[in-house]
């Protein structure tokens, strides 16, 4: 019989929470159209943010809102993360 063991650790919960917060901040920065803010968030959390998540949501959102500078940055970030 196989049983599932659930292991909870406050440190893991904190890391997951911080990662979600950084991703939400990154997404909001893409929608504002402010390249300085986006660069700052990227530099602080590029190891935690997946810019390809959600079917390229941030890229599509920036395109929809007409933020060419953000689209260019996301394209450059994409080249860096490959």
N, C-alpha and C. Protein backbone atom coordinates (compact mmCIF):
# COMPACT_ATOMS: atom_id res chain seq x y z
N UNK A 1 0.84 -1.18 0.00
CA UNK A 1 0.00 0.00 0.00
C UNK A 1 0.88 1.24 0.00
N UNK A 2 0.56 2.16 -0.91
CA UNK A 2 1.33 3.40 -1.01
C UNK A 2 0.59 4.49 -0.26
N UNK A 3 1.32 5.17 0.58
CA UNK A 3 0.70 6.30 1.30
C UNK A 3 1.43 7.58 0.92
N UNK A 4 0.69 8.65 0.94
CA UNK A 4 1.25 9.95 0.61
C UNK A 4 1.68 10.63 1.89
N UNK A 5 2.88 11.14 1.88
CA UNK A 5 3.39 11.87 3.03
C UNK A 5 3.43 13.35 2.65
N UNK A 6 2.77 14.14 3.46
CA UNK A 6 2.76 15.59 3.23
C UNK A 6 3.76 16.22 4.18
N UNK A 7 4.71 16.92 3.62
CA UNK A 7 5.74 17.57 4.41
C UNK A 7 5.57 19.07 4.26
N UNK A 8 5.30 19.73 5.33
CA UNK A 8 5.16 21.18 5.27
C UNK A 8 6.30 21.80 6.05
N UNK A 9 6.81 22.82 5.49
CA UNK A 9 7.92 23.52 6.11
C UNK A 9 7.67 25.01 5.91
N UNK A 10 7.79 25.77 6.95
CA UNK A 10 7.55 27.21 6.85
C UNK A 10 8.48 27.88 5.85
N UNK A 11 9.70 27.38 5.74
CA UNK A 11 10.64 27.98 4.78
C UNK A 11 10.17 27.76 3.35
N UNK A 12 9.66 26.58 3.05
CA UNK A 12 9.17 26.30 1.70
C UNK A 12 7.96 27.18 1.41
N UNK A 13 7.05 27.31 2.36
CA UNK A 13 5.88 28.16 2.18
C UNK A 13 6.28 29.60 1.94
N UNK A 14 7.29 30.07 2.65
CA UNK A 14 7.77 31.44 2.48
C UNK A 14 8.37 31.63 1.10
N UNK A 15 9.16 30.68 0.64
CA UNK A 15 9.76 30.77 -0.70
C UNK A 15 8.68 30.80 -1.77
N UNK A 16 7.67 29.94 -1.64
CA UNK A 16 6.59 29.91 -2.62
C UNK A 16 5.83 31.23 -2.60
N UNK A 17 5.57 31.76 -1.43
CA UNK A 17 4.85 33.02 -1.31
C UNK A 17 5.64 34.18 -1.93
N UNK A 18 6.95 34.22 -1.66
CA UNK A 18 7.79 35.27 -2.23
C UNK A 18 7.85 35.17 -3.74
N UNK A 19 7.92 33.96 -4.27
CA UNK A 19 7.96 33.75 -5.71
C UNK A 19 6.67 34.24 -6.36
N UNK A 20 5.53 33.92 -5.76
CA UNK A 20 4.26 34.39 -6.29
C UNK A 20 4.19 35.91 -6.28
N UNK A 21 4.65 36.53 -5.20
CA UNK A 21 4.64 37.99 -5.08
C UNK A 21 5.50 38.62 -6.15
N UNK A 22 6.67 38.05 -6.40
CA UNK A 22 7.56 38.59 -7.42
C UNK A 22 6.95 38.44 -8.80
N UNK A 23 6.29 37.33 -9.05
CA UNK A 23 5.66 37.11 -10.36
C UNK A 23 4.51 38.09 -10.57
N UNK A 24 3.72 38.33 -9.53
CA UNK A 24 2.63 39.29 -9.64
C UNK A 24 3.17 40.69 -9.88
N UNK A 25 4.23 41.07 -9.18
CA UNK A 25 4.85 42.39 -9.38
C UNK A 25 5.38 42.52 -10.79
N UNK A 26 5.99 41.47 -11.31
CA UNK A 26 6.52 41.49 -12.67
C UNK A 26 5.39 41.67 -13.68
N UNK A 27 4.29 40.95 -13.49
CA UNK A 27 3.15 41.05 -14.39
C UNK A 27 2.55 42.45 -14.35
N UNK A 28 2.40 43.01 -13.16
CA UNK A 28 1.86 44.37 -13.05
C UNK A 28 2.78 45.38 -13.72
N UNK A 29 4.09 45.20 -13.58
CA UNK A 29 5.04 46.12 -14.21
C UNK A 29 4.93 46.06 -15.73
N UNK A 30 4.63 44.90 -16.28
CA UNK A 30 4.46 44.78 -17.73
C UNK A 30 3.24 45.57 -18.19
N UNK A 31 2.22 45.63 -17.36
CA UNK A 31 1.00 46.34 -17.72
C UNK A 31 1.09 47.84 -17.56
N UNK A 32 2.01 48.31 -16.74
CA UNK A 32 2.11 49.75 -16.51
C UNK A 32 2.83 50.47 -17.63
N UNK A 33 3.72 49.77 -18.32
CA UNK A 33 4.46 50.39 -19.41
C UNK A 33 5.69 51.16 -18.97
N UNK A 34 6.13 50.95 -17.74
CA UNK A 34 7.30 51.66 -17.22
C UNK A 34 8.52 50.74 -17.30
N UNK A 35 9.41 50.99 -18.29
CA UNK A 35 10.57 50.10 -18.46
C UNK A 35 11.54 50.11 -17.29
N UNK A 36 11.68 51.25 -16.59
CA UNK A 36 12.61 51.32 -15.46
C UNK A 36 12.15 50.37 -14.35
N UNK A 37 10.87 50.38 -14.06
CA UNK A 37 10.33 49.50 -13.01
C UNK A 37 10.50 48.04 -13.42
N UNK A 38 10.19 47.73 -14.68
CA UNK A 38 10.32 46.36 -15.15
C UNK A 38 11.76 45.88 -15.06
N UNK A 39 12.72 46.70 -15.45
CA UNK A 39 14.14 46.32 -15.36
C UNK A 39 14.53 46.07 -13.91
N UNK A 40 14.06 46.94 -13.01
CA UNK A 40 14.41 46.80 -11.60
C UNK A 40 13.86 45.49 -11.03
N UNK A 41 12.61 45.19 -11.33
CA UNK A 41 12.02 43.95 -10.84
C UNK A 41 12.73 42.74 -11.45
N UNK A 42 13.05 42.81 -12.73
CA UNK A 42 13.76 41.70 -13.40
C UNK A 42 15.11 41.46 -12.75
N UNK A 43 15.85 42.54 -12.48
CA UNK A 43 17.18 42.39 -11.89
C UNK A 43 17.12 41.81 -10.48
N UNK A 44 16.04 42.10 -9.75
CA UNK A 44 15.91 41.59 -8.38
C UNK A 44 15.41 40.15 -8.35
N UNK A 45 14.67 39.74 -9.38
CA UNK A 45 13.99 38.44 -9.26
C UNK A 45 14.03 37.59 -10.51
N UNK A 46 15.04 37.77 -11.36
CA UNK A 46 15.08 37.02 -12.61
C UNK A 46 15.21 35.51 -12.41
N UNK A 47 15.67 35.09 -11.25
CA UNK A 47 15.79 33.66 -10.99
C UNK A 47 14.46 33.06 -10.53
N UNK A 48 13.51 33.92 -10.19
CA UNK A 48 12.22 33.44 -9.69
C UNK A 48 11.09 33.63 -10.70
N UNK A 49 11.31 34.50 -11.69
CA UNK A 49 10.25 34.85 -12.63
C UNK A 49 10.41 34.07 -13.92
N UNK A 50 9.34 33.41 -14.32
CA UNK A 50 9.30 32.70 -15.60
C UNK A 50 8.50 33.55 -16.57
N UNK A 51 9.17 34.18 -17.52
CA UNK A 51 8.48 35.10 -18.43
C UNK A 51 7.67 34.36 -19.48
N UNK A 52 7.76 33.05 -19.52
CA UNK A 52 7.02 32.27 -20.50
C UNK A 52 5.77 31.62 -19.92
N UNK A 53 5.50 31.86 -18.65
CA UNK A 53 4.35 31.23 -18.00
C UNK A 53 3.04 31.82 -18.54
N UNK A 54 2.00 31.03 -18.49
CA UNK A 54 0.68 31.51 -18.87
C UNK A 54 0.54 31.86 -20.34
N UNK A 55 1.18 31.05 -21.21
CA UNK A 55 1.08 31.28 -22.65
C UNK A 55 1.58 32.67 -23.02
N UNK A 56 2.72 33.05 -22.44
CA UNK A 56 3.36 34.34 -22.72
C UNK A 56 2.44 35.51 -22.35
N UNK A 57 1.77 35.39 -21.21
CA UNK A 57 0.78 36.39 -20.83
C UNK A 57 1.35 37.81 -20.76
N UNK A 58 2.49 37.98 -20.12
CA UNK A 58 3.07 39.32 -19.96
C UNK A 58 3.37 39.95 -21.31
N UNK A 59 3.92 39.16 -22.22
CA UNK A 59 4.24 39.64 -23.56
C UNK A 59 2.96 40.06 -24.30
N UNK A 60 1.96 39.19 -24.26
CA UNK A 60 0.71 39.49 -24.95
C UNK A 60 0.00 40.70 -24.34
N UNK A 61 0.07 40.83 -23.01
CA UNK A 61 -0.57 41.95 -22.35
C UNK A 61 0.11 43.26 -22.71
N UNK A 62 1.43 43.27 -22.71
CA UNK A 62 2.17 44.47 -23.09
C UNK A 62 1.88 44.86 -24.54
N UNK A 63 1.78 43.87 -25.42
CA UNK A 63 1.43 44.14 -26.82
C UNK A 63 0.03 44.75 -26.91
N UNK A 64 -0.90 44.17 -26.22
CA UNK A 64 -2.29 44.63 -26.24
C UNK A 64 -2.39 46.08 -25.76
N UNK A 65 -1.62 46.42 -24.74
CA UNK A 65 -1.67 47.76 -24.18
C UNK A 65 -0.79 48.75 -24.94
N UNK A 66 -0.06 48.27 -25.93
CA UNK A 66 0.74 49.16 -26.77
C UNK A 66 2.05 49.62 -26.15
N UNK A 67 2.59 48.83 -25.24
CA UNK A 67 3.85 49.20 -24.56
C UNK A 67 5.04 48.60 -25.30
N UNK A 68 5.46 49.27 -26.37
CA UNK A 68 6.54 48.75 -27.20
C UNK A 68 7.85 48.58 -26.43
N UNK A 69 8.14 49.52 -25.54
CA UNK A 69 9.39 49.43 -24.76
C UNK A 69 9.37 48.18 -23.87
N UNK A 70 8.22 47.85 -23.32
CA UNK A 70 8.09 46.65 -22.47
C UNK A 70 8.23 45.39 -23.32
N UNK A 71 7.59 45.41 -24.49
CA UNK A 71 7.69 44.26 -25.41
C UNK A 71 9.15 44.02 -25.78
N UNK A 72 9.87 45.09 -26.10
CA UNK A 72 11.29 44.97 -26.45
C UNK A 72 12.10 44.39 -25.29
N UNK A 73 11.81 44.85 -24.06
CA UNK A 73 12.52 44.32 -22.90
C UNK A 73 12.21 42.85 -22.67
N UNK A 74 10.95 42.49 -22.79
CA UNK A 74 10.58 41.08 -22.60
C UNK A 74 11.26 40.20 -23.64
N UNK A 75 11.35 40.71 -24.85
CA UNK A 75 12.04 39.97 -25.91
C UNK A 75 13.51 39.78 -25.54
N UNK A 76 14.12 40.84 -25.04
CA UNK A 76 15.54 40.76 -24.64
C UNK A 76 15.71 39.81 -23.44
N UNK A 77 14.78 39.89 -22.47
CA UNK A 77 14.85 38.97 -21.31
C UNK A 77 14.70 37.53 -21.76
N UNK A 78 13.86 37.31 -22.74
CA UNK A 78 13.64 35.96 -23.27
C UNK A 78 14.92 35.41 -23.88
N UNK A 79 15.63 36.25 -24.61
CA UNK A 79 16.90 35.81 -25.20
C UNK A 79 17.93 35.48 -24.12
N UNK A 80 17.90 36.21 -23.01
CA UNK A 80 18.84 35.98 -21.92
C UNK A 80 18.56 34.68 -21.19
N UNK A 81 17.28 34.30 -21.11
CA UNK A 81 16.93 33.15 -20.29
C UNK A 81 17.01 31.82 -21.04
N UNK A 82 17.29 31.85 -22.32
CA UNK A 82 17.40 30.61 -23.09
C UNK A 82 18.75 29.96 -22.88
